[in-house]
Amino acid sequence: MENIHSPLHRLLRIPGFVRWGVTIDTAAEWRWLALLAVALWPTWWWMGQRMVDGSDDPLGALALGALAVVLWAHRKQLRAAPHLGLQATALTGVVLTTALHNQLPDLLVALVGLLSLAAGLLAFLPARISSAPVWGLSVLSLPLLASLQFYAGFPLRVVTAEASRWFLSLGFIAERTGSSLIVNGQLIIVDAPCSGVQMVWLGYFTACAVALATQCSNHAFLLRLPVVGVLVLLGNVARNIVLVAAQASGKHLPAWGHDAVGLGVLALVCSGIAWAMARQERSA
């Protein structure tokens, strides 16, 4: 039997408390989202500084812009009553972001803040919007390319160099030393730009953006996500093979030639990812 003398029942008998609850429940969606954004101001400040001081690439702004586009596109279909679990998650995340400021690494605190933002958006977005790409864009909003290059750049260069050596061996005398290649006696270094970190970011950004644009379900999105990694790896290896083969053959490409090869491969990779994500659900 329900206890009518419980604290909750006593609160519900107070008119002022009930009116306050109704006011919160019926508050305009934009007010909640605006308050959430304002509460994360330390995260925005740190991200802004990192993007403009040259310590990281500002690609995260592109992911934030994509989230803003999603919100704007569905502004007339926002839920009048938000998903309470997601809203509670967002509020908890904001509190943690404030409490952990200067206690944990800034990147980790910013991750908590941006996941809170994603939870807040999903609390109001229509239920048909897949949550996984929104979570993905929130992570991609972080200024993390420099960190990825530091921790994952060398292993990616080694993988790229070894895969390139295998293919180059079909037409050249090729050996690998660390992340460098010796092709026909010529030392060719697979440097940081050749690690493919930026291609990784753009590949996953394309996957998230196309999934949201085509209303791809969470199941289909997650099922197709490994394709992104495969296409990015193949694209990065193909770019490296073309550039190394040209150099080993004595056909030194100009700077614009390097850029043209890189952009061409990037376009093919992103097109393949977009095609994979945009397929009809039944073929997933």
Protein backbone atom coordinates (compact mmCIF):
# COMPACT_ATOMS: atom_id res chain seq x y z
CA MET A 1 0.00 0.00 0.00
CA GLU A 2 1.29 3.40 -0.96
CA ASN A 3 2.34 5.55 1.94
CA ILE A 4 0.36 8.80 1.77
CA HIS A 5 2.61 10.27 4.46
CA SER A 6 5.79 9.89 2.43
CA PRO A 7 7.89 13.02 1.72
CA LEU A 8 6.89 12.95 -1.94
CA HIS A 9 3.17 12.96 -1.14
CA ARG A 10 3.65 15.79 1.32
CA LEU A 11 5.47 17.80 -1.38
CA LEU A 12 2.72 17.11 -3.92
CA ARG A 13 0.20 18.66 -1.52
CA ILE A 14 2.08 21.96 -1.57
CA PRO A 15 0.61 24.16 -4.35
CA GLY A 16 3.83 26.09 -4.87
CA PHE A 17 5.86 22.92 -5.41
CA VAL A 18 3.31 21.56 -7.89
CA ARG A 19 3.31 24.84 -9.86
CA TRP A 20 7.11 24.78 -9.92
CA GLY A 21 7.09 21.22 -11.26
CA VAL A 22 4.56 22.12 -13.96
CA THR A 23 6.65 25.14 -14.96
CA ILE A 24 9.75 22.98 -15.36
CA ASP A 25 7.89 20.28 -17.29
CA THR A 26 6.36 22.78 -19.70
CA ALA A 27 9.39 25.03 -20.12
CA ALA A 28 10.30 25.76 -23.73
CA GLU A 29 12.80 23.33 -25.19
CA TRP A 30 15.21 26.05 -26.25
CA ARG A 31 15.48 27.28 -22.64
CA TRP A 32 16.71 23.92 -21.43
CA LEU A 33 19.16 23.57 -24.28
CA ALA A 34 20.39 27.16 -23.85
CA LEU A 35 20.96 26.60 -20.13
CA LEU A 36 22.79 23.37 -20.89
CA ALA A 37 25.06 25.15 -23.36
CA VAL A 38 25.76 28.00 -20.92
CA ALA A 39 26.54 25.56 -18.11
CA LEU A 40 29.28 24.03 -20.27
CA TRP A 41 31.08 27.35 -20.79
CA PRO A 42 34.39 26.11 -19.26
CA THR A 43 34.42 23.34 -21.88
CA TRP A 44 33.75 25.82 -24.73
CA TRP A 45 36.49 28.12 -23.42
CA TRP A 46 39.09 25.34 -23.30
CA MET A 47 38.08 23.97 -26.70
CA GLY A 48 38.20 27.43 -28.25
CA GLN A 49 41.67 28.09 -26.89
CA ARG A 50 42.99 24.75 -28.13
CA MET A 51 41.53 25.29 -31.59
CA VAL A 52 42.91 28.80 -32.09
CA ASP A 53 46.35 28.47 -30.49
CA GLY A 54 47.55 26.07 -33.17
CA SER A 55 47.85 23.03 -30.87
CA ASP A 56 45.08 21.18 -32.70
CA ASP A 57 43.06 21.22 -35.90
CA PRO A 58 39.69 23.00 -35.69
CA LEU A 59 37.77 20.13 -37.33
CA GLY A 60 35.73 19.70 -34.15
CA ALA A 61 33.83 22.86 -35.07
CA LEU A 62 32.53 21.00 -38.12
CA ALA A 63 31.02 18.29 -35.91
CA LEU A 64 29.47 20.90 -33.63
CA GLY A 65 28.01 22.58 -36.71
CA ALA A 66 26.52 19.25 -37.81
CA LEU A 67 24.82 18.87 -34.41
CA ALA A 68 23.44 22.39 -34.75
CA VAL A 69 22.10 21.55 -38.22
CA VAL A 70 20.35 18.44 -36.83
CA LEU A 71 18.74 20.50 -34.08
CA TRP A 72 17.66 23.22 -36.52
CA ALA A 73 16.28 20.71 -39.03
CA HIS A 74 14.02 19.19 -36.36
CA ARG A 75 13.26 22.35 -34.43
CA LYS A 76 9.51 22.05 -35.11
CA GLN A 77 9.34 18.42 -34.00
CA LEU A 78 11.14 18.70 -30.65
CA ARG A 79 9.49 16.80 -27.82
CA ALA A 80 7.24 18.86 -25.56
CA ALA A 81 8.05 16.42 -22.75
CA PRO A 82 11.74 15.45 -22.89
CA HIS A 83 13.06 11.96 -22.26
CA LEU A 84 13.64 12.13 -18.51
CA GLY A 85 16.44 9.54 -18.43
CA LEU A 86 18.47 11.42 -21.03
CA GLN A 87 17.72 14.75 -19.41
CA ALA A 88 18.90 13.42 -16.05
CA THR A 89 22.05 12.10 -17.74
CA ALA A 90 22.70 15.51 -19.27
CA LEU A 91 22.26 17.31 -15.94
CA THR A 92 24.47 14.78 -14.13
CA GLY A 93 27.13 15.20 -16.81
CA VAL A 94 27.10 18.98 -16.45
CA VAL A 95 27.53 18.68 -12.68
CA LEU A 96 30.43 16.25 -13.17
CA THR A 97 32.03 18.55 -15.74
CA THR A 98 31.97 21.39 -13.22
CA ALA A 99 33.14 19.23 -10.31
CA LEU A 100 35.97 17.59 -12.25
CA HIS A 101 37.30 20.84 -13.72
CA ASN A 102 41.04 21.07 -12.91
CA GLN A 103 40.82 17.62 -11.29
CA LEU A 104 41.16 15.48 -14.43
CA PRO A 105 42.79 16.08 -17.85
CA ASP A 106 40.94 18.78 -19.78
CA LEU A 107 40.26 16.45 -22.72
CA LEU A 108 38.53 13.91 -20.47
CA VAL A 109 36.45 16.60 -18.76
CA ALA A 110 35.48 18.02 -22.16
CA LEU A 111 34.43 14.53 -23.26
CA VAL A 112 32.03 14.31 -20.30
CA GLY A 113 30.68 17.76 -21.18
CA LEU A 114 30.08 16.98 -24.85
CA LEU A 115 28.44 13.65 -24.03
CA SER A 116 26.17 15.62 -21.69
CA LEU A 117 25.33 17.93 -24.58
CA ALA A 118 24.47 14.93 -26.76
CA ALA A 119 22.22 13.52 -24.03
CA GLY A 120 20.49 16.88 -23.72
CA LEU A 121 19.89 17.08 -27.47
CA LEU A 122 18.60 13.51 -27.66
CA ALA A 123 16.23 14.21 -24.78
CA PHE A 124 14.35 16.68 -27.02
CA LEU A 125 14.98 15.34 -30.52
CA PRO A 126 12.25 13.11 -32.03
CA ALA A 127 12.50 9.44 -31.09
CA ARG A 128 13.09 8.47 -34.73
CA ILE A 129 16.49 10.19 -34.69
CA SER A 130 19.20 7.59 -34.17
CA SER A 131 21.21 8.22 -31.04
CA ALA A 132 24.51 6.54 -32.03
CA PRO A 133 25.49 9.10 -34.74
CA VAL A 134 24.65 11.95 -32.34
CA TRP A 135 26.92 10.44 -29.69
CA GLY A 136 29.54 10.00 -32.40
CA LEU A 137 29.40 13.64 -33.49
CA SER A 138 29.69 14.79 -29.88
CA VAL A 139 32.96 12.84 -29.53
CA LEU A 140 34.22 14.14 -32.87
CA SER A 141 33.56 17.69 -31.63
CA LEU A 142 36.52 17.36 -29.29
CA PRO A 143 39.88 18.86 -30.32
CA LEU A 144 41.47 15.42 -30.31
CA LEU A 145 43.44 15.16 -33.55
CA ALA A 146 46.70 16.15 -31.89
CA SER A 147 46.15 13.54 -29.16
CA LEU A 148 45.29 10.89 -31.75
CA GLN A 149 48.43 11.75 -33.69
CA PHE A 150 50.52 11.47 -30.53
CA TYR A 151 49.12 8.13 -29.33
CA ALA A 152 48.00 6.42 -32.55
CA GLY A 153 50.05 8.17 -35.24
CA PHE A 154 53.11 5.91 -35.07
CA PRO A 155 51.19 2.59 -35.03
CA LEU A 156 49.12 3.80 -37.99
CA ARG A 157 52.28 4.77 -39.89
CA VAL A 158 53.78 1.34 -39.25
CA VAL A 159 50.63 -0.42 -40.50
CA THR A 160 50.51 1.83 -43.55
CA ALA A 161 54.21 1.30 -44.29
CA GLU A 162 53.95 -2.50 -43.98
CA ALA A 163 50.84 -2.73 -46.18
CA SER A 164 52.49 -0.41 -48.73
CA ARG A 165 55.67 -2.53 -48.69
CA TRP A 166 53.67 -5.64 -49.54
CA PHE A 167 52.14 -4.02 -52.63
CA LEU A 168 55.30 -2.17 -53.66
CA SER A 169 57.24 -5.44 -53.55
CA LEU A 170 55.34 -6.48 -56.66
CA GLY A 171 57.24 -3.92 -58.73
CA PHE A 172 60.13 -2.70 -56.59
CA ILE A 173 62.67 -3.96 -54.10
CA ALA A 174 61.01 -2.75 -50.92
CA GLU A 175 61.85 -3.14 -47.24
CA ARG A 176 60.36 -1.58 -44.12
CA THR A 177 62.33 -0.16 -41.20
CA GLY A 178 60.02 1.10 -38.46
CA SER A 179 57.67 3.51 -40.17
CA SER A 180 60.07 4.10 -43.07
CA LEU A 181 60.43 2.32 -46.40
CA ILE A 182 63.55 1.54 -48.41
CA VAL A 183 62.43 1.26 -52.03
CA ASN A 184 65.11 0.42 -54.62
CA GLY A 185 67.70 1.62 -52.13
CA GLN A 186 65.97 4.93 -51.55
CA LEU A 187 64.85 5.82 -48.01
CA ILE A 188 61.30 7.15 -47.92
CA ILE A 189 59.86 8.23 -44.58
CA VAL A 190 56.17 7.68 -43.86
CA ASP A 191 55.72 10.87 -41.84
CA ALA A 192 52.92 12.12 -39.58
CA PRO A 193 50.63 13.43 -42.36
CA CYS A 194 50.76 9.94 -43.90
CA SER A 195 49.37 8.31 -40.73
CA GLY A 196 45.85 9.01 -41.95
CA VAL A 197 44.58 10.48 -38.66
CA GLN A 198 42.70 13.26 -40.45
CA MET A 199 41.23 10.75 -42.90
CA VAL A 200 40.03 8.69 -39.92
CA TRP A 201 38.28 11.74 -38.46
CA LEU A 202 36.68 12.73 -41.77
CA GLY A 203 35.63 9.14 -42.44
CA TYR A 204 33.76 8.80 -39.16
CA PHE A 205 32.33 12.29 -39.51
CA THR A 206 30.96 11.34 -42.93
CA ALA A 207 29.46 8.16 -41.46
CA CYS A 208 27.68 10.04 -38.66
CA ALA A 209 26.45 12.88 -40.88
CA VAL A 210 25.11 10.59 -43.63
CA ALA A 211 23.48 8.26 -41.09
CA LEU A 212 21.57 11.19 -39.60
CA ALA A 213 20.66 12.63 -43.00
CA THR A 214 19.28 9.28 -44.21
CA GLN A 215 17.71 8.37 -40.83
CA CYS A 216 19.78 5.20 -40.60
CA SER A 217 18.83 3.15 -37.53
CA ASN A 218 21.25 2.53 -34.68
CA HIS A 219 21.45 -1.15 -35.61
CA ALA A 220 22.33 -0.47 -39.23
CA PHE A 221 24.76 2.32 -38.30
CA LEU A 222 26.70 0.16 -35.84
CA LEU A 223 26.63 -2.80 -38.22
CA ARG A 224 28.19 -0.72 -41.01
CA LEU A 225 30.66 1.18 -38.83
CA PRO A 226 33.55 -1.31 -39.34
CA VAL A 227 33.35 -0.50 -43.06
CA VAL A 228 34.59 2.99 -42.20
CA GLY A 229 37.81 1.68 -40.67
CA VAL A 230 38.44 -0.68 -43.58
CA LEU A 231 37.88 2.00 -46.25
CA VAL A 232 40.04 4.52 -44.41
CA LEU A 233 42.89 2.02 -44.05
CA LEU A 234 42.69 0.99 -47.71
CA GLY A 235 42.51 4.62 -48.82
CA ASN A 236 45.50 5.63 -46.73
CA VAL A 237 47.56 2.70 -48.01
CA ALA A 238 46.57 3.45 -51.62
CA ARG A 239 47.60 7.10 -51.24
CA ASN A 240 50.92 6.09 -49.73
CA ILE A 241 51.59 3.54 -52.49
CA VAL A 242 50.98 6.10 -55.24
CA LEU A 243 53.21 8.73 -53.64
CA VAL A 244 56.01 6.32 -52.73
CA ALA A 245 55.94 4.64 -56.15
CA ALA A 246 56.17 8.02 -57.86
CA GLN A 247 59.14 9.03 -55.73
CA ALA A 248 60.90 5.68 -56.13
CA SER A 249 60.46 5.90 -59.90
CA GLY A 250 62.13 9.30 -59.98
CA LYS A 251 58.87 11.07 -60.84
CA HIS A 252 58.84 13.61 -58.04
CA LEU A 253 55.40 15.11 -57.73
CA PRO A 254 55.06 18.83 -56.98
CA ALA A 255 53.39 19.92 -53.76
CA TRP A 256 50.06 20.35 -55.50
CA GLY A 257 50.41 16.83 -56.89
CA HIS A 258 50.68 15.40 -53.37
CA ASP A 259 47.63 17.40 -52.34
CA ALA A 260 45.70 16.31 -55.43
CA VAL A 261 46.39 12.62 -54.74
CA GLY A 262 45.41 13.02 -51.10
CA LEU A 263 42.19 14.88 -51.87
CA GLY A 264 41.27 12.43 -54.61
CA VAL A 265 41.69 9.42 -52.34
CA LEU A 266 39.84 11.20 -49.52
CA ALA A 267 36.91 11.91 -51.85
CA LEU A 268 36.76 8.25 -52.90
CA VAL A 269 36.91 7.02 -49.29
CA CYS A 270 34.22 9.41 -48.07
CA SER A 271 32.04 8.58 -51.08
CA GLY A 272 32.34 4.87 -50.27
CA ILE A 273 31.45 5.51 -46.63
CA ALA A 274 28.47 7.65 -47.64
CA TRP A 275 27.25 4.92 -49.99
CA ALA A 276 27.56 2.28 -47.27
CA MET A 277 25.65 4.37 -44.74
CA ALA A 278 22.94 5.47 -47.18
CA ARG A 279 21.92 1.98 -48.29
CA GLN A 280 18.36 0.89 -47.60
CA GLU A 281 17.81 -0.79 -44.23
CA ARG A 282 16.75 -4.11 -45.74
CA SER A 283 20.19 -4.61 -47.31
CA ALA A 284 22.03 -4.03 -44.05
